[in-house]
Amino acid sequence: MKKLCVVGVLAATAFTSGCASIVSGHNQPLSVESRMKGAQVTGANCKLSNDKGTWYVTTPGSTVVNRSFNDLTIRCEKDGITPGALAVKSTTKGMAFGNILFGGVIGAGVDMASGAAYDYPSLITIEMGELPFVAPPAVDAPRAEAAPADTKSAN
């Protein structure tokens, strides 16, 4: 009976944890730097966020974020400079695919749900002084409608 309990606990542990979460965890350290026209900008206050949380860093600086499938949005501000903003896409780590083969669907599902299967770049550079701008669609000026032609002829 005792052996059965030990086997059950080991099996439960194996099926509820994923390979990526064991190897690299749910958190990721990353560095943020800000630049303007190629020159480093120091002292910019940056806010990083995804669906797992929000973090703050002053450039150049480092922080630890929670991994996620969703984009990591970053906005940096400094007095006298137009803010910089960026959305960084996550990538799926190679070990997540290995987890499907060796750890099974449950382990892969755990890693994907927790964010452990994903990575952001370890260095993120924000360009200050210019925010991306999307122009609104052009609106055609209203055209004057031609008066309907008189189909009756005067005789």
N, C-alpha and C. Protein backbone atom coordinates (compact mmCIF):
# COMPACT_ATOMS: atom_id res chain seq x y z
N MET A 1 0.83 -1.20 0.00
CA MET A 1 0.00 0.00 0.00
C MET A 1 0.87 1.26 0.00
N LYS A 2 1.96 1.22 0.77
CA LYS A 2 2.86 2.37 0.86
C LYS A 2 3.52 2.64 -0.50
N LYS A 3 3.90 1.56 -1.21
CA LYS A 3 4.52 1.70 -2.52
C LYS A 3 3.54 2.33 -3.51
N LEU A 4 2.29 1.96 -3.41
CA LEU A 4 1.27 2.50 -4.28
C LEU A 4 1.11 4.01 -4.07
N CYS A 5 1.16 4.45 -2.83
CA CYS A 5 1.07 5.88 -2.53
C CYS A 5 2.27 6.63 -3.09
N VAL A 6 3.47 6.07 -2.93
CA VAL A 6 4.68 6.72 -3.44
C VAL A 6 4.61 6.83 -4.96
N VAL A 7 4.20 5.77 -5.62
CA VAL A 7 4.07 5.79 -7.08
C VAL A 7 3.02 6.82 -7.50
N GLY A 8 1.94 6.89 -6.79
CA GLY A 8 0.89 7.86 -7.11
C GLY A 8 1.38 9.30 -6.97
N VAL A 9 2.13 9.58 -5.91
CA VAL A 9 2.66 10.94 -5.71
C VAL A 9 3.66 11.28 -6.81
N LEU A 10 4.54 10.36 -7.15
CA LEU A 10 5.51 10.60 -8.21
C LEU A 10 4.82 10.81 -9.56
N ALA A 11 3.82 10.04 -9.86
CA ALA A 11 3.08 10.19 -11.11
C ALA A 11 2.37 11.54 -11.16
N ALA A 12 1.76 11.92 -10.06
CA ALA A 12 1.06 13.22 -10.01
C ALA A 12 2.04 14.36 -10.21
N THR A 13 3.21 14.25 -9.61
CA THR A 13 4.24 15.29 -9.77
C THR A 13 4.69 15.37 -11.21
N ALA A 14 4.91 14.23 -11.84
CA ALA A 14 5.37 14.20 -13.23
C ALA A 14 4.33 14.79 -14.18
N PHE A 15 3.06 14.51 -13.92
CA PHE A 15 2.02 14.98 -14.83
C PHE A 15 1.58 16.42 -14.59
N THR A 16 1.89 16.99 -13.44
CA THR A 16 1.45 18.37 -13.18
C THR A 16 2.55 19.40 -13.33
N SER A 17 3.73 18.98 -13.70
CA SER A 17 4.80 19.94 -13.94
C SER A 17 5.34 19.73 -15.33
N GLY A 18 5.70 20.81 -15.98
CA GLY A 18 6.23 20.72 -17.33
C GLY A 18 7.73 20.84 -17.33
N CYS A 19 8.33 20.43 -18.42
CA CYS A 19 9.79 20.44 -18.56
C CYS A 19 10.33 21.87 -18.54
N ALA A 20 9.72 22.77 -19.31
CA ALA A 20 10.22 24.14 -19.38
C ALA A 20 10.11 24.84 -18.03
N SER A 21 9.05 24.55 -17.28
CA SER A 21 8.89 25.20 -15.98
C SER A 21 9.94 24.70 -15.01
N ILE A 22 10.36 23.45 -15.15
CA ILE A 22 11.40 22.92 -14.28
C ILE A 22 12.76 23.49 -14.66
N VAL A 23 13.05 23.56 -15.96
CA VAL A 23 14.36 23.99 -16.43
C VAL A 23 14.58 25.49 -16.28
N SER A 24 13.62 26.30 -16.71
CA SER A 24 13.86 27.75 -16.71
C SER A 24 12.86 28.56 -15.91
N GLY A 25 11.80 27.99 -15.44
CA GLY A 25 10.86 28.68 -14.58
C GLY A 25 9.90 29.59 -15.32
N HIS A 26 9.07 30.24 -14.52
CA HIS A 26 8.02 31.11 -15.05
C HIS A 26 8.51 32.55 -15.22
N ASN A 27 9.67 32.88 -14.63
CA ASN A 27 10.19 34.24 -14.66
C ASN A 27 11.38 34.33 -15.60
N GLN A 28 11.60 35.54 -16.12
CA GLN A 28 12.72 35.77 -17.03
C GLN A 28 13.37 37.11 -16.72
N PRO A 29 14.69 37.11 -16.47
CA PRO A 29 15.38 38.39 -16.33
C PRO A 29 15.59 39.01 -17.71
N LEU A 30 15.44 40.32 -17.79
CA LEU A 30 15.74 41.01 -19.04
C LEU A 30 16.22 42.42 -18.74
N SER A 31 16.91 42.99 -19.71
CA SER A 31 17.46 44.34 -19.58
C SER A 31 16.76 45.27 -20.56
N VAL A 32 16.61 46.52 -20.14
CA VAL A 32 15.97 47.53 -20.99
C VAL A 32 16.92 48.71 -21.10
N GLU A 33 17.10 49.17 -22.33
CA GLU A 33 17.87 50.38 -22.57
C GLU A 33 17.06 51.30 -23.46
N SER A 34 17.30 52.59 -23.34
CA SER A 34 16.60 53.55 -24.18
C SER A 34 17.64 54.34 -24.97
N ARG A 35 17.27 54.65 -26.21
CA ARG A 35 18.16 55.38 -27.11
C ARG A 35 17.36 56.45 -27.85
N MET A 36 18.09 57.46 -28.30
CA MET A 36 17.48 58.49 -29.13
C MET A 36 18.49 58.84 -30.21
N LYS A 37 18.13 58.56 -31.45
CA LYS A 37 19.02 58.79 -32.60
C LYS A 37 20.37 58.11 -32.39
N GLY A 38 20.36 56.92 -31.84
CA GLY A 38 21.58 56.13 -31.66
C GLY A 38 22.30 56.35 -30.35
N ALA A 39 22.04 57.46 -29.67
CA ALA A 39 22.73 57.75 -28.41
C ALA A 39 21.91 57.22 -27.24
N GLN A 40 22.62 56.70 -26.25
CA GLN A 40 21.94 56.15 -25.08
C GLN A 40 21.28 57.25 -24.26
N VAL A 41 20.05 56.99 -23.82
CA VAL A 41 19.31 57.89 -22.94
C VAL A 41 19.28 57.22 -21.57
N THR A 42 19.84 57.89 -20.58
CA THR A 42 19.81 57.33 -19.22
C THR A 42 18.71 58.00 -18.41
N GLY A 43 18.17 57.26 -17.48
CA GLY A 43 17.17 57.81 -16.57
C GLY A 43 15.75 57.84 -17.07
N ALA A 44 15.47 57.13 -18.16
CA ALA A 44 14.08 57.05 -18.63
C ALA A 44 13.33 56.05 -17.74
N ASN A 45 12.13 56.41 -17.36
CA ASN A 45 11.30 55.53 -16.53
C ASN A 45 10.41 54.69 -17.43
N CYS A 46 10.55 53.37 -17.31
CA CYS A 46 9.83 52.46 -18.20
C CYS A 46 8.85 51.59 -17.44
N LYS A 47 7.72 51.37 -18.06
CA LYS A 47 6.69 50.47 -17.53
C LYS A 47 6.57 49.31 -18.50
N LEU A 48 6.74 48.10 -17.99
CA LEU A 48 6.62 46.89 -18.78
C LEU A 48 5.39 46.14 -18.30
N SER A 49 4.58 45.62 -19.22
CA SER A 49 3.41 44.88 -18.77
C SER A 49 2.99 43.82 -19.79
N ASN A 50 2.43 42.75 -19.25
CA ASN A 50 1.77 41.72 -20.04
C ASN A 50 0.60 41.21 -19.19
N ASP A 51 -0.03 40.13 -19.61
CA ASP A 51 -1.19 39.64 -18.87
C ASP A 51 -0.84 39.04 -17.52
N LYS A 52 0.45 38.86 -17.24
CA LYS A 52 0.89 38.26 -15.97
C LYS A 52 1.32 39.31 -14.94
N GLY A 53 1.43 40.60 -15.34
CA GLY A 53 1.81 41.61 -14.37
C GLY A 53 2.38 42.87 -14.99
N THR A 54 2.86 43.76 -14.11
CA THR A 54 3.45 45.03 -14.50
C THR A 54 4.75 45.22 -13.72
N TRP A 55 5.78 45.72 -14.41
CA TRP A 55 7.09 45.94 -13.80
C TRP A 55 7.61 47.30 -14.22
N TYR A 56 8.49 47.86 -13.39
CA TYR A 56 9.05 49.19 -13.65
C TYR A 56 10.57 49.10 -13.60
N VAL A 57 11.21 49.87 -14.48
CA VAL A 57 12.68 49.90 -14.52
C VAL A 57 13.10 51.27 -15.02
N THR A 58 14.25 51.75 -14.53
CA THR A 58 14.86 52.99 -15.02
C THR A 58 16.03 52.59 -15.90
N THR A 59 16.12 53.20 -17.09
CA THR A 59 17.14 52.79 -18.06
C THR A 59 18.49 53.44 -17.78
N PRO A 60 19.57 52.74 -18.11
CA PRO A 60 19.57 51.33 -18.45
C PRO A 60 19.38 50.52 -17.18
N GLY A 61 18.62 49.47 -17.27
CA GLY A 61 18.34 48.68 -16.08
C GLY A 61 17.82 47.30 -16.40
N SER A 62 17.67 46.51 -15.37
CA SER A 62 17.20 45.13 -15.51
C SER A 62 16.06 44.87 -14.54
N THR A 63 15.24 43.92 -14.90
CA THR A 63 14.15 43.49 -14.05
C THR A 63 13.84 42.03 -14.37
N VAL A 64 12.97 41.44 -13.61
CA VAL A 64 12.52 40.07 -13.85
C VAL A 64 11.02 40.12 -14.11
N VAL A 65 10.61 39.59 -15.27
CA VAL A 65 9.19 39.59 -15.65
C VAL A 65 8.67 38.16 -15.66
N ASN A 66 7.36 38.03 -15.63
CA ASN A 66 6.73 36.73 -15.78
C ASN A 66 6.59 36.42 -17.26
N ARG A 67 6.99 35.25 -17.65
CA ARG A 67 6.88 34.83 -19.05
C ARG A 67 5.40 34.70 -19.43
N SER A 68 5.11 34.94 -20.71
CA SER A 68 3.74 34.84 -21.18
C SER A 68 3.73 34.64 -22.69
N PHE A 69 2.66 34.07 -23.19
CA PHE A 69 2.45 33.98 -24.64
C PHE A 69 2.19 35.37 -25.21
N ASN A 70 1.56 36.24 -24.42
CA ASN A 70 1.17 37.57 -24.88
C ASN A 70 2.35 38.51 -25.01
N ASP A 71 2.16 39.56 -25.80
CA ASP A 71 3.20 40.58 -25.99
C ASP A 71 3.54 41.24 -24.67
N LEU A 72 4.80 41.69 -24.57
CA LEU A 72 5.25 42.51 -23.46
C LEU A 72 5.27 43.94 -23.99
N THR A 73 4.43 44.81 -23.43
CA THR A 73 4.40 46.20 -23.87
C THR A 73 5.29 47.03 -22.97
N ILE A 74 6.04 47.93 -23.59
CA ILE A 74 6.97 48.77 -22.85
C ILE A 74 6.75 50.21 -23.27
N ARG A 75 6.68 51.08 -22.30
CA ARG A 75 6.58 52.52 -22.56
C ARG A 75 7.57 53.22 -21.65
N CYS A 76 8.46 54.01 -22.26
CA CYS A 76 9.50 54.73 -21.51
C CYS A 76 9.27 56.23 -21.66
N GLU A 77 9.44 56.94 -20.55
CA GLU A 77 9.24 58.39 -20.53
C GLU A 77 10.39 59.06 -19.81
N LYS A 78 10.75 60.25 -20.30
CA LYS A 78 11.73 61.10 -19.64
C LYS A 78 11.38 62.53 -19.97
N ASP A 79 11.47 63.41 -18.97
CA ASP A 79 11.11 64.81 -19.17
C ASP A 79 11.89 65.40 -20.34
N GLY A 80 11.18 66.14 -21.19
CA GLY A 80 11.81 66.83 -22.31
C GLY A 80 12.00 65.98 -23.55
N ILE A 81 11.63 64.70 -23.50
CA ILE A 81 11.79 63.81 -24.65
C ILE A 81 10.45 63.14 -24.93
N THR A 82 10.12 63.04 -26.21
CA THR A 82 8.90 62.31 -26.57
C THR A 82 9.06 60.86 -26.12
N PRO A 83 8.05 60.29 -25.47
CA PRO A 83 8.16 58.92 -24.98
C PRO A 83 8.41 57.91 -26.10
N GLY A 84 8.91 56.76 -25.72
CA GLY A 84 9.10 55.66 -26.66
C GLY A 84 8.22 54.50 -26.23
N ALA A 85 7.73 53.74 -27.19
CA ALA A 85 6.87 52.60 -26.88
C ALA A 85 7.19 51.46 -27.82
N LEU A 86 6.96 50.25 -27.32
CA LEU A 86 7.28 49.06 -28.10
C LEU A 86 6.45 47.89 -27.58
N ALA A 87 6.03 47.03 -28.47
CA ALA A 87 5.39 45.77 -28.08
C ALA A 87 6.32 44.65 -28.53
N VAL A 88 6.77 43.83 -27.59
CA VAL A 88 7.72 42.76 -27.87
C VAL A 88 6.97 41.43 -27.88
N LYS A 89 7.06 40.71 -28.96
CA LYS A 89 6.40 39.41 -29.07
C LYS A 89 7.23 38.35 -28.35
N SER A 90 6.55 37.40 -27.74
CA SER A 90 7.24 36.28 -27.12
C SER A 90 7.48 35.21 -28.18
N THR A 91 8.49 34.38 -27.93
CA THR A 91 8.75 33.25 -28.82
C THR A 91 8.60 31.97 -28.01
N THR A 92 8.26 30.91 -28.68
CA THR A 92 8.12 29.62 -28.01
C THR A 92 9.50 28.98 -27.93
N LYS A 93 9.88 28.57 -26.73
CA LYS A 93 11.18 27.94 -26.53
C LYS A 93 11.18 26.55 -27.15
N GLY A 94 12.33 26.12 -27.65
CA GLY A 94 12.47 24.81 -28.27
C GLY A 94 12.12 23.68 -27.32
N MET A 95 12.44 23.85 -26.04
CA MET A 95 12.17 22.76 -25.10
C MET A 95 10.68 22.53 -24.90
N ALA A 96 9.86 23.48 -25.30
CA ALA A 96 8.41 23.28 -25.19
C ALA A 96 7.97 22.17 -26.14
N PHE A 97 8.60 22.10 -27.32
CA PHE A 97 8.26 21.05 -28.27
C PHE A 97 8.80 19.70 -27.79
N GLY A 98 9.98 19.72 -27.18
CA GLY A 98 10.52 18.50 -26.60
C GLY A 98 9.65 17.99 -25.48
N ASN A 99 9.05 18.91 -24.77
CA ASN A 99 8.16 18.56 -23.68
C ASN A 99 6.95 17.77 -24.18
N ILE A 100 6.47 18.12 -25.36
CA ILE A 100 5.33 17.39 -25.93
C ILE A 100 5.73 15.94 -26.19
N LEU A 101 6.97 15.76 -26.69
CA LEU A 101 7.44 14.40 -26.98
C LEU A 101 7.74 13.60 -25.73
N PHE A 102 8.41 14.23 -24.77
CA PHE A 102 8.90 13.49 -23.61
C PHE A 102 8.06 13.67 -22.35
N GLY A 103 7.43 14.83 -22.20
CA GLY A 103 6.67 15.09 -20.99
C GLY A 103 5.18 14.89 -21.17
N GLY A 104 4.77 14.76 -22.41
CA GLY A 104 3.36 14.53 -22.66
C GLY A 104 2.57 15.82 -22.82
N VAL A 105 1.36 15.65 -23.20
CA VAL A 105 0.46 16.78 -23.46
C VAL A 105 0.19 17.56 -22.18
N ILE A 106 0.08 16.88 -21.06
CA ILE A 106 -0.22 17.57 -19.80
C ILE A 106 0.92 18.52 -19.42
N GLY A 107 2.17 18.04 -19.51
CA GLY A 107 3.31 18.89 -19.20
C GLY A 107 3.41 20.09 -20.12
N ALA A 108 3.16 19.86 -21.41
CA ALA A 108 3.19 20.97 -22.37
C ALA A 108 2.08 21.97 -22.07
N GLY A 109 0.91 21.47 -21.70
CA GLY A 109 -0.20 22.35 -21.36
C GLY A 109 0.09 23.20 -20.14
N VAL A 110 0.74 22.59 -19.14
CA VAL A 110 1.13 23.34 -17.94
C VAL A 110 2.10 24.46 -18.29
N ASP A 111 3.11 24.12 -19.11
CA ASP A 111 4.10 25.13 -19.50
C ASP A 111 3.48 26.26 -20.30
N MET A 112 2.57 25.95 -21.19
CA MET A 112 1.93 26.98 -22.00
C MET A 112 1.02 27.85 -21.16
N ALA A 113 0.27 27.25 -20.26
CA ALA A 113 -0.65 28.02 -19.42
C ALA A 113 0.11 28.92 -18.45
N SER A 114 1.22 28.44 -17.93
CA SER A 114 1.98 29.22 -16.94
C SER A 114 2.89 30.25 -17.58
N GLY A 115 3.15 30.11 -18.88
CA GLY A 115 4.06 31.03 -19.56
C GLY A 115 5.48 30.51 -19.64
N ALA A 116 5.79 29.39 -18.97
CA ALA A 116 7.15 28.86 -18.93
C ALA A 116 7.65 28.43 -20.30
N ALA A 117 6.77 28.20 -21.25
CA ALA A 117 7.17 27.75 -22.58
C ALA A 117 7.61 28.91 -23.48
N TYR A 118 7.57 30.14 -22.97
CA TYR A 118 7.83 31.30 -23.82
C TYR A 118 9.01 32.13 -23.31
N ASP A 119 9.57 32.91 -24.24
CA ASP A 119 10.71 33.78 -23.93
C ASP A 119 10.54 35.13 -24.60
N TYR A 120 11.08 36.16 -23.96
CA TYR A 120 11.23 37.48 -24.57
C TYR A 120 12.71 37.68 -24.85
N PRO A 121 13.08 38.63 -25.69
CA PRO A 121 14.51 38.92 -25.88
C PRO A 121 15.13 39.34 -24.55
N SER A 122 16.39 38.99 -24.33
CA SER A 122 17.03 39.33 -23.05
C SER A 122 17.42 40.80 -22.98
N LEU A 123 17.57 41.48 -24.13
CA LEU A 123 17.85 42.91 -24.17
C LEU A 123 16.81 43.58 -25.06
N ILE A 124 16.13 44.57 -24.50
CA ILE A 124 15.11 45.31 -25.24
C ILE A 124 15.54 46.76 -25.33
N THR A 125 15.59 47.28 -26.55
CA THR A 125 15.98 48.67 -26.78
C THR A 125 14.77 49.47 -27.22
N ILE A 126 14.49 50.55 -26.50
CA ILE A 126 13.36 51.43 -26.80
C ILE A 126 13.91 52.69 -27.46
N GLU A 127 13.35 53.04 -28.60
CA GLU A 127 13.76 54.27 -29.30
C GLU A 127 12.91 55.42 -28.77
N MET A 128 13.55 56.38 -28.15
CA MET A 128 12.86 57.55 -27.61
C MET A 128 12.76 58.62 -28.70
N GLY A 129 11.89 59.58 -28.49
CA GLY A 129 11.80 60.71 -29.40
C GLY A 129 10.83 60.52 -30.53
N GLU A 130 10.29 59.33 -30.68
CA GLU A 130 9.31 59.12 -31.73
C GLU A 130 8.38 57.98 -31.35
N LEU A 131 7.12 58.29 -31.32
CA LEU A 131 6.12 57.25 -31.09
C LEU A 131 5.63 56.78 -32.45
N PRO A 132 5.38 55.50 -32.58
CA PRO A 132 4.82 55.04 -33.86
C PRO A 132 3.50 55.75 -34.11
N PHE A 133 3.30 56.17 -35.33
CA PHE A 133 2.09 56.92 -35.68
C PHE A 133 1.40 56.20 -36.83
N VAL A 134 0.14 55.96 -36.65
CA VAL A 134 -0.66 55.36 -37.71
C VAL A 134 -1.64 56.42 -38.17
N ALA A 135 -1.51 56.79 -39.43
CA ALA A 135 -2.38 57.82 -39.99
C ALA A 135 -3.79 57.27 -40.17
N PRO A 136 -4.77 58.11 -39.89
CA PRO A 136 -6.15 57.65 -40.13
C PRO A 136 -6.38 57.48 -41.62
N PRO A 137 -7.31 56.64 -41.99
CA PRO A 137 -7.57 56.46 -43.42
C PRO A 137 -8.04 57.75 -44.05
N ALA A 138 -7.62 57.96 -45.28
CA ALA A 138 -8.02 59.18 -46.00
C ALA A 138 -9.51 59.14 -46.26
N VAL A 139 -10.12 60.27 -46.06
CA VAL A 139 -11.56 60.39 -46.31
C VAL A 139 -11.71 61.25 -47.55
N ASP A 140 -12.40 60.70 -48.56
CA ASP A 140 -12.63 61.46 -49.78
C ASP A 140 -13.59 62.60 -49.49
N ALA A 141 -13.33 63.74 -50.11
CA ALA A 141 -14.24 64.87 -49.97
C ALA A 141 -15.56 64.51 -50.64
N PRO A 142 -16.65 64.96 -50.05
CA PRO A 142 -17.94 64.63 -50.68
C PRO A 142 -18.01 65.23 -52.08
N ARG A 143 -18.51 64.45 -52.97
CA ARG A 143 -18.63 64.90 -54.36
C ARG A 143 -20.02 65.47 -54.59
N ALA A 144 -20.06 66.50 -55.40
CA ALA A 144 -21.36 67.08 -55.76
C ALA A 144 -22.01 66.15 -56.76
N GLU A 145 -23.19 65.75 -56.48
CA GLU A 145 -23.91 64.85 -57.39
C GLU A 145 -24.43 65.68 -58.55
N ALA A 146 -24.26 65.12 -59.70
CA ALA A 146 -24.79 65.81 -60.90
C ALA A 146 -26.31 65.70 -60.87
N ALA A 147 -26.95 66.79 -61.27
CA ALA A 147 -28.41 66.77 -61.32
C ALA A 147 -28.84 65.80 -62.40
N PRO A 148 -29.88 65.04 -62.12
CA PRO A 148 -30.31 64.09 -63.16
C PRO A 148 -30.66 64.82 -64.45
N ALA A 149 -30.26 64.22 -65.51
CA ALA A 149 -30.54 64.84 -66.83
C ALA A 149 -32.04 64.82 -67.09
N ASP A 150 -32.51 65.87 -67.68
CA ASP A 150 -33.93 65.96 -68.03
C ASP A 150 -34.16 65.12 -69.26
N THR A 151 -34.93 64.11 -69.12
CA THR A 151 -35.16 63.20 -70.24
C THR A 151 -36.24 63.71 -71.21
N LYS A 152 -36.96 64.73 -70.76
CA LYS A 152 -38.00 65.25 -71.63
C LYS A 152 -37.38 66.36 -72.48
N SER A 153 -37.73 66.36 -73.71
CA SER A 153 -37.23 67.43 -74.56
C SER A 153 -38.36 68.43 -74.79
N ALA A 154 -37.96 69.67 -74.85
CA ALA A 154 -38.96 70.70 -75.06
C ALA A 154 -39.19 70.84 -76.56
N ASN A 155 -40.37 70.67 -77.00
CA ASN A 155 -40.70 70.81 -78.42
C ASN A 155 -41.53 71.99 -78.65
